[in-house]
C-alpha atoms as a PDB file:
ATOM      1  CA  MET A   1      18.519  -2.595 -34.527  1.00  0.00           C
ATOM      2  CA  LYS A   2      19.536  -0.967 -31.239  1.00  0.00           C
ATOM      3  CA  LYS A   3      16.150   0.779 -31.023  1.00  0.00           C
ATOM      4  CA  ASN A   4      14.314  -2.523 -31.556  1.00  0.00           C
ATOM      5  CA  LEU A   5      16.436  -4.249 -28.919  1.00  0.00           C
ATOM      6  CA  ALA A   6      15.835  -1.389 -26.469  1.00  0.00           C
ATOM      7  CA  LEU A   7      12.078  -1.565 -27.151  1.00  0.00           C
ATOM      8  CA  ILE A   8      11.989  -5.320 -26.496  1.00  0.00           C
ATOM      9  CA  CYS A   9      13.974  -4.907 -23.251  1.00  0.00           C
ATOM     10  CA  ASN A  10      11.640  -2.123 -22.106  1.00  0.00           C
ATOM     11  CA  LEU A  11       8.575  -4.238 -22.887  1.00  0.00           C
ATOM     12  CA  LEU A  12      10.030  -7.186 -20.976  1.00  0.00           C
ATOM     13  CA  LEU A  13      10.797  -4.956 -18.018  1.00  0.00           C
ATOM     14  CA  PHE A  14       7.294  -3.463 -18.156  1.00  0.00           C
ATOM     15  CA  LEU A  15       5.676  -6.882 -18.199  1.00  0.00           C
ATOM     16  CA  THR A  16       7.862  -8.092 -15.373  1.00  0.00           C
ATOM     17  CA  LEU A  17       7.233  -5.100 -13.128  1.00  0.00           C
ATOM     18  CA  GLY A  18       3.726  -4.234 -14.252  1.00  0.00           C
ATOM     19  CA  HIS A  19       2.339  -7.750 -14.219  1.00  0.00           C
ATOM     20  CA  PRO A  20       4.886 -10.255 -13.170  1.00  0.00           C
ATOM     21  CA  THR A  21      10.553 -21.125 -13.878  1.00  0.00           C
ATOM     22  CA  ILE A  22      13.338 -22.329 -13.061  1.00  0.00           C
ATOM     23  CA  ALA A  23      13.802 -22.576 -16.558  1.00  0.00           C
ATOM     24  CA  GLY A  24      12.036 -23.406 -19.756  1.00  0.00           C
ATOM     25  CA  VAL A  25       8.969 -21.793 -21.224  1.00  0.00           C
ATOM     26  CA  ILE A  26       7.140 -20.078 -18.353  1.00  0.00           C
ATOM     27  CA  PRO A  27       4.018 -22.201 -17.745  1.00  0.00           C
ATOM     28  CA  ILE A  28       0.629 -20.504 -17.633  1.00  0.00           C
ATOM     29  CA  GLU A  29      -2.052 -22.651 -19.249  1.00  0.00           C
ATOM     30  CA  VAL A  30      -3.320 -25.779 -17.483  1.00  0.00           C
ATOM     31  CA  THR A  31      -4.352 -28.969 -19.264  1.00  0.00           C
ATOM     32  CA  LYS A  32      -6.370 -31.725 -17.656  1.00  0.00           C
ATOM     33  CA  GLY A  33      -4.317 -34.886 -17.146  1.00  0.00           C
ATOM     34  CA  VAL A  34      -1.162 -36.272 -15.513  1.00  0.00           C
ATOM     35  CA  SER A  35       2.466 -35.578 -16.408  1.00  0.00           C
ATOM     36  CA  VAL A  36       5.885 -36.219 -14.894  1.00  0.00           C
ATOM     37  CA  SER A  37       9.027 -34.134 -15.357  1.00  0.00           C
ATOM     38  CA  PHE A  38      12.741 -34.418 -14.685  1.00  0.00           C
ATOM     39  CA  GLU A  39      15.180 -31.470 -14.511  1.00  0.00           C
ATOM     40  CA  LYS A  40      18.967 -31.484 -14.033  1.00  0.00           C
ATOM     41  CA  TYR A  41      22.042 -29.295 -14.402  1.00  0.00           C
ATOM     42  CA  LEU A  42      24.379 -30.483 -17.169  1.00  0.00           C
ATOM     43  CA  GLU A  43      26.901 -27.760 -16.294  1.00  0.00           C
ATOM     44  CA  PRO A  44      28.516 -27.529 -13.838  1.00  0.00           C
ATOM     45  CA  SER A  45      29.038 -31.247 -14.303  1.00  0.00           C
ATOM     46  CA  ASP A  46      29.858 -31.804 -10.626  1.00  0.00           C
ATOM     47  CA  SER A  47      26.291 -30.879  -9.587  1.00  0.00           C
ATOM     48  CA  GLU A  48      24.234 -33.955  -8.740  1.00  0.00           C
ATOM     49  CA  GLN A  49      21.057 -31.978  -8.080  1.00  0.00           C
ATOM     50  CA  ALA A  50      17.968 -33.105  -9.984  1.00  0.00           C
ATOM     51  CA  THR A  51      14.279 -32.373  -9.582  1.00  0.00           C
ATOM     52  CA  PHE A  52      11.468 -34.911 -10.089  1.00  0.00           C
ATOM     53  CA  THR A  53       7.916 -33.572 -10.325  1.00  0.00           C
ATOM     54  CA  GLY A  54       4.441 -35.043 -10.796  1.00  0.00           C
ATOM     55  CA  ASN A  55       1.734 -32.727 -12.161  1.00  0.00           C
ATOM     56  CA  PHE A  56      -2.002 -33.340 -11.904  1.00  0.00           C
ATOM     57  CA  GLY A  57      -4.273 -31.142 -14.034  1.00  0.00           C
ATOM     58  CA  LEU A  58      -7.687 -31.418 -12.405  1.00  0.00           C
ATOM     59  CA  ASN A  59      -9.385 -29.317 -15.094  1.00  0.00           C
ATOM     60  CA  ASP A  60      -8.505 -26.494 -17.500  1.00  0.00           C
ATOM     61  CA  HIS A  61      -7.757 -24.103 -14.617  1.00  0.00           C
ATOM     62  CA  LEU A  62      -6.255 -25.942 -11.608  1.00  0.00           C
ATOM     63  CA  LEU A  63      -3.007 -27.937 -11.542  1.00  0.00           C
ATOM     64  CA  LEU A  64      -1.532 -29.588  -8.444  1.00  0.00           C
ATOM     65  CA  LYS A  65       2.043 -30.844  -8.192  1.00  0.00           C
ATOM     66  CA  CYS A  66       4.419 -32.676  -5.895  1.00  0.00           C
ATOM     67  CA  GLY A  67       8.160 -33.002  -6.302  1.00  0.00           C
ATOM     68  CA  TYR A  68      11.516 -33.867  -4.804  1.00  0.00           C
ATOM     69  CA  ILE A  69      14.895 -32.131  -5.186  1.00  0.00           C
ATOM     70  CA  THR A  70      17.858 -34.480  -4.787  1.00  0.00           C
ATOM     71  CA  GLU A  71      21.131 -33.441  -3.154  1.00  0.00           C
ATOM     72  CA  VAL A  72      19.386 -30.810  -0.986  1.00  0.00           C
ATOM     73  CA  GLN A  73      16.651 -33.399  -0.225  1.00  0.00           C
ATOM     74  CA  ARG A  74      13.741 -30.975  -0.272  1.00  0.00           C
ATOM     75  CA  ASN A  75      10.124 -31.943  -0.868  1.00  0.00           C
ATOM     76  CA  ILE A  76       7.711 -29.775  -2.854  1.00  0.00           C
ATOM     77  CA  ILE A  77       3.936 -29.520  -3.017  1.00  0.00           C
ATOM     78  CA  GLY A  78       2.208 -26.766  -4.895  1.00  0.00           C
ATOM     79  CA  GLY A  79      -0.153 -25.742  -7.609  1.00  0.00           C
ATOM     80  CA  ARG A  80      -1.049 -23.319 -10.353  1.00  0.00           C
ATOM     81  CA  TYR A  81      -4.375 -21.684 -11.119  1.00  0.00           C
ATOM     82  CA  ALA A  82      -4.782 -20.326 -14.655  1.00  0.00           C
ATOM     83  CA  PHE A  83      -7.462 -17.663 -14.954  1.00  0.00           C
ATOM     84  CA  ASN A  84      -7.146 -17.927 -18.745  1.00  0.00           C
ATOM     85  CA  GLU A  85      -4.401 -18.626 -21.315  1.00  0.00           C
ATOM     86  CA  LYS A  86      -2.607 -15.375 -20.385  1.00  0.00           C
ATOM     87  CA  MET A  87      -2.619 -15.135 -16.581  1.00  0.00           C
ATOM     88  CA  ALA A  88      -1.922 -17.526 -13.703  1.00  0.00           C
ATOM     89  CA  VAL A  89      -0.979 -17.609 -10.031  1.00  0.00           C
ATOM     90  CA  MET A  90       1.357 -20.193  -8.468  1.00  0.00           C
ATOM     91  CA  PHE A  91       2.113 -21.514  -4.998  1.00  0.00           C
ATOM     92  CA  ASP A  92       4.908 -23.851  -3.807  1.00  0.00           C
ATOM     93  CA  HIS A  93       5.654 -25.177  -0.325  1.00  0.00           C
ATOM     94  CA  GLU A  94       9.162 -26.656   0.112  1.00  0.00           C
ATOM     95  CA  TRP A  95      10.412 -28.430   3.199  1.00  0.00           C
ATOM     96  CA  LYS A  96      13.167 -30.561   4.652  1.00  0.00           C
ATOM     97  CA  ASP A  97      12.921 -31.724   8.269  1.00  0.00           C
ATOM     98  CA  GLU A  98      11.965 -28.625  10.292  1.00  0.00           C
ATOM     99  CA  ASP A  99      13.007 -26.135   7.598  1.00  0.00           C
ATOM    100  CA  SER A 100      10.297 -24.958   5.198  1.00  0.00           C
ATOM    101  CA  SER A 101       9.456 -22.053   2.884  1.00  0.00           C
ATOM    102  CA  ASN A 102       6.580 -20.864   0.714  1.00  0.00           C
ATOM    103  CA  LYS A 103       6.864 -19.361  -2.762  1.00  0.00           C
ATOM    104  CA  TYR A 104       4.145 -17.288  -4.416  1.00  0.00           C
ATOM    105  CA  GLY A 105       4.123 -16.331  -8.083  1.00  0.00           C
ATOM    106  CA  PHE A 106       2.117 -14.428 -10.673  1.00  0.00           C
ATOM    107  CA  ALA A 107       2.628 -14.776 -14.440  1.00  0.00           C
ATOM    108  CA  TYR A 108       1.216 -12.867 -17.379  1.00  0.00           C
ATOM    109  CA  LYS A 109       1.696 -13.448 -21.095  1.00  0.00           C
ATOM    110  CA  PHE A 110       1.179 -10.925 -23.886  1.00  0.00           C
ATOM    111  CA  ASN A 111       0.926 -12.437 -27.369  1.00  0.00           C
ATOM    112  CA  PHE A 112       2.129 -10.702 -30.534  1.00  0.00           C
ATOM    113  CA  LYS A 113       0.322 -12.404 -33.404  1.00  0.00           C
ATOM    114  CA  ASP A 114       0.507 -16.215 -33.188  1.00  0.00           C
ATOM    115  CA  ARG A 115       4.181 -17.004 -32.712  1.00  0.00           C
ATOM    116  CA  LEU A 116       5.730 -14.378 -30.424  1.00  0.00           C
ATOM    117  CA  GLY A 117       4.872 -13.935 -26.765  1.00  0.00           C
ATOM    118  CA  LEU A 118       6.307 -11.784 -23.985  1.00  0.00           C
ATOM    119  CA  VAL A 119       5.997 -13.335 -20.536  1.00  0.00           C
ATOM    120  CA  GLY A 120       6.535 -11.795 -17.123  1.00  0.00           C
ATOM    121  CA  LEU A 121       6.789 -13.650 -13.822  1.00  0.00           C
ATOM    122  CA  VAL A 122       7.172 -12.267 -10.314  1.00  0.00           C
ATOM    123  CA  GLU A 123       7.977 -14.623  -7.412  1.00  0.00           C
ATOM    124  CA  TYR A 124       8.223 -14.022  -3.677  1.00  0.00           C
ATOM    125  CA  GLN A 125       9.878 -16.475  -1.279  1.00  0.00           C
ATOM    126  CA  SER A 126      11.072 -15.778   2.274  1.00  0.00           C
ATOM    127  CA  GLN A 127      11.510 -12.043   1.611  1.00  0.00           C
ATOM    128  CA  ASP A 128      13.421 -12.788  -1.610  1.00  0.00           C
ATOM    129  CA  ILE A 129      11.905 -11.330  -4.785  1.00  0.00           C
ATOM    130  CA  ALA A 130      12.610 -12.598  -8.297  1.00  0.00           C
ATOM    131  CA  LEU A 131      11.421 -10.922 -11.499  1.00  0.00           C
ATOM    132  CA  THR A 132      11.661 -12.818 -14.780  1.00  0.00           C
ATOM    133  CA  GLY A 133      10.929 -11.494 -18.258  1.00  0.00           C
ATOM    134  CA  GLN A 134      11.369 -13.435 -21.453  1.00  0.00           C
ATOM    135  CA  ALA A 135      10.355 -13.488 -25.092  1.00  0.00           C
ATOM    136  CA  GLU A 136       9.114 -16.813 -26.478  1.00  0.00           C
ATOM    137  CA  TYR A 137       8.982 -17.510 -30.218  1.00  0.00           C
ATOM    138  CA  GLY A 138       7.344 -20.618 -31.648  1.00  0.00           C
ATOM    139  CA  PHE A 139       8.899 -21.595 -34.968  1.00  0.00           C
ATOM    140  CA  ASN A 140       6.319 -24.353 -35.376  1.00  0.00           C
ATOM    141  CA  GLU A 141       4.332 -26.800 -33.231  1.00  0.00           C
ATOM    142  CA  ALA A 142       7.536 -28.596 -32.201  1.00  0.00           C
ATOM    143  CA  ILE A 143      10.138 -25.874 -31.492  1.00  0.00           C
ATOM    144  CA  THR A 144       9.964 -22.815 -29.248  1.00  0.00           C
ATOM    145  CA  ALA A 145      12.991 -20.599 -28.596  1.00  0.00           C
ATOM    146  CA  TYR A 146      13.159 -18.082 -25.756  1.00  0.00           C
ATOM    147  CA  GLY A 147      15.461 -15.531 -24.216  1.00  0.00           C
ATOM    148  CA  GLY A 148      15.265 -13.104 -21.348  1.00  0.00           C
ATOM    149  CA  PHE A 149      16.516 -12.214 -17.908  1.00  0.00           C
ATOM    150  CA  LYS A 150      15.933 -12.906 -14.222  1.00  0.00           C
ATOM    151  CA  TYR A 151      16.391 -10.192 -11.610  1.00  0.00           C
ATOM    152  CA  ALA A 152      16.764 -11.561  -8.077  1.00  0.00           C
ATOM    153  CA  LYS A 153      16.794  -9.419  -4.934  1.00  0.00           C
ATOM    154  CA  PRO A 154      17.575 -11.458  -1.820  1.00  0.00           C
ATOM    155  CA  ASP A 155      16.543 -10.357   1.650  1.00  0.00           C
ATOM    156  CA  GLN A 156      20.228  -9.875   2.436  1.00  0.00           C
ATOM    157  CA  GLY A 157      22.962  -9.167  -0.081  1.00  0.00           C
ATOM    158  CA  ASP A 158      23.135  -7.587  -3.503  1.00  0.00           C
ATOM    159  CA  ALA A 159      20.648  -7.996  -6.327  1.00  0.00           C
ATOM    160  CA  ALA A 160      21.756  -9.975  -9.385  1.00  0.00           C
ATOM    161  CA  ILE A 161      20.675 -10.286 -12.998  1.00  0.00           C
ATOM    162  CA  ASP A 162      20.969 -13.548 -14.946  1.00  0.00           C
ATOM    163  CA  LEU A 163      20.534 -13.758 -18.714  1.00  0.00           C
ATOM    164  CA  LEU A 164      18.820 -16.786 -20.199  1.00  0.00           C
ATOM    165  CA  LEU A 165      18.715 -18.426 -23.639  1.00  0.00           C
ATOM    166  CA  GLY A 166      16.965 -21.673 -24.369  1.00  0.00           C
ATOM    167  CA  ALA A 167      14.775 -23.821 -26.559  1.00  0.00           C
ATOM    168  CA  GLU A 168      11.978 -26.295 -25.977  1.00  0.00           C
ATOM    169  CA  PHE A 169      11.372 -29.230 -28.323  1.00  0.00           C
ATOM    170  CA  LYS A 170       8.091 -31.164 -28.551  1.00  0.00           C
ATOM    171  CA  PRO A 171       8.543 -33.895 -31.174  1.00  0.00           C
ATOM    172  CA  ILE A 172       5.229 -35.561 -30.209  1.00  0.00           C
ATOM    173  CA  ALA A 173       2.237 -34.301 -28.243  1.00  0.00           C
ATOM    174  CA  ILE A 174       2.977 -36.295 -25.083  1.00  0.00           C
ATOM    175  CA  PHE A 175       6.733 -35.652 -24.804  1.00  0.00           C
ATOM    176  CA  SER A 176       8.845 -32.488 -24.601  1.00  0.00           C
ATOM    177  CA  PHE A 177      12.339 -31.494 -23.485  1.00  0.00           C
ATOM    178  CA  TYR A 178      14.285 -28.256 -23.170  1.00  0.00           C
ATOM    179  CA  PHE A 179      17.781 -26.839 -22.728  1.00  0.00           C
ATOM    180  CA  ASP A 180      18.558 -23.597 -20.879  1.00  0.00           C
ATOM    181  CA  TYR A 181      21.807 -21.649 -20.972  1.00  0.00           C
ATOM    182  CA  LEU A 182      22.102 -19.338 -17.945  1.00  0.00           C
ATOM    183  CA  MET A 183      24.635 -16.493 -17.829  1.00  0.00           C
ATOM    184  CA  PRO A 184      24.841 -15.065 -14.297  1.00  0.00           C
ATOM    185  CA  GLU A 185      26.122 -11.597 -13.509  1.00  0.00           C
ATOM    186  CA  GLU A 186      28.733 -13.272 -11.311  1.00  0.00           C
ATOM    187  CA  GLY A 187      29.824 -16.890 -11.195  1.00  0.00           C
ATOM    188  CA  ASP A 188      29.892 -19.774 -13.649  1.00  0.00           C
ATOM    189  CA  GLU A 189      27.570 -20.222 -16.594  1.00  0.00           C
ATOM    190  CA  THR A 190      25.175 -23.156 -16.321  1.00  0.00           C
ATOM    191  CA  VAL A 191      23.304 -25.449 -18.674  1.00  0.00           C
ATOM    192  CA  TYR A 192      19.993 -26.882 -17.530  1.00  0.00           C
ATOM    193  CA  PHE A 193      18.055 -29.800 -19.064  1.00  0.00           C
ATOM    194  CA  GLY A 194      14.470 -30.853 -18.504  1.00  0.00           C
ATOM    195  CA  LEU A 195      11.978 -33.281 -19.969  1.00  0.00           C
ATOM    196  CA  THR A 196       8.251 -33.894 -19.503  1.00  0.00           C
ATOM    197  CA  TYR A 197       6.094 -36.923 -20.324  1.00  0.00           C
ATOM    198  CA  THR A 198       2.310 -36.616 -20.373  1.00  0.00           C
ATOM    199  CA  PHE A 199       0.066 -39.622 -19.841  1.00  0.00           C
END
């Protein structure tokens, strides 16, 4: 069991460093159409921050998005280009008044058979680097469970590793929601909730 766990951790690390969410299943594929999403922290309960996002899939490769983060009052525009079902690049521009930042990302997914996938994501924002690796297992068309880690290295300060467990539920084709349980190296554990509706 320990050897299997070590192998999975090494594969996740390899995918994260060798190739590349905020939560949920790491998105790669793009579908033509319009969807809206809502994300919020359930724990800590005193956090009022929520994120509203509109996604516009122009075709099977290019997705554009715009969003708004409450509490910090930041606006977001961005997009994702999927080269295929395994590899994508992302770009986000966030701003509030005169303060702005850009985030660049690259994601790669390696599928084991039909149900299990290992996903790596690397993100760069204002000299901060974040590496995410997670395993995603689809029990059926409606339920996907995932677990992994996020390594964040800020421009100033110490690096940190967060562990993540979660599940995404898709009871019907046009509606999905997920729960994430985040365990930081330091600080309080958090629970994150998100839902998406596709038109």
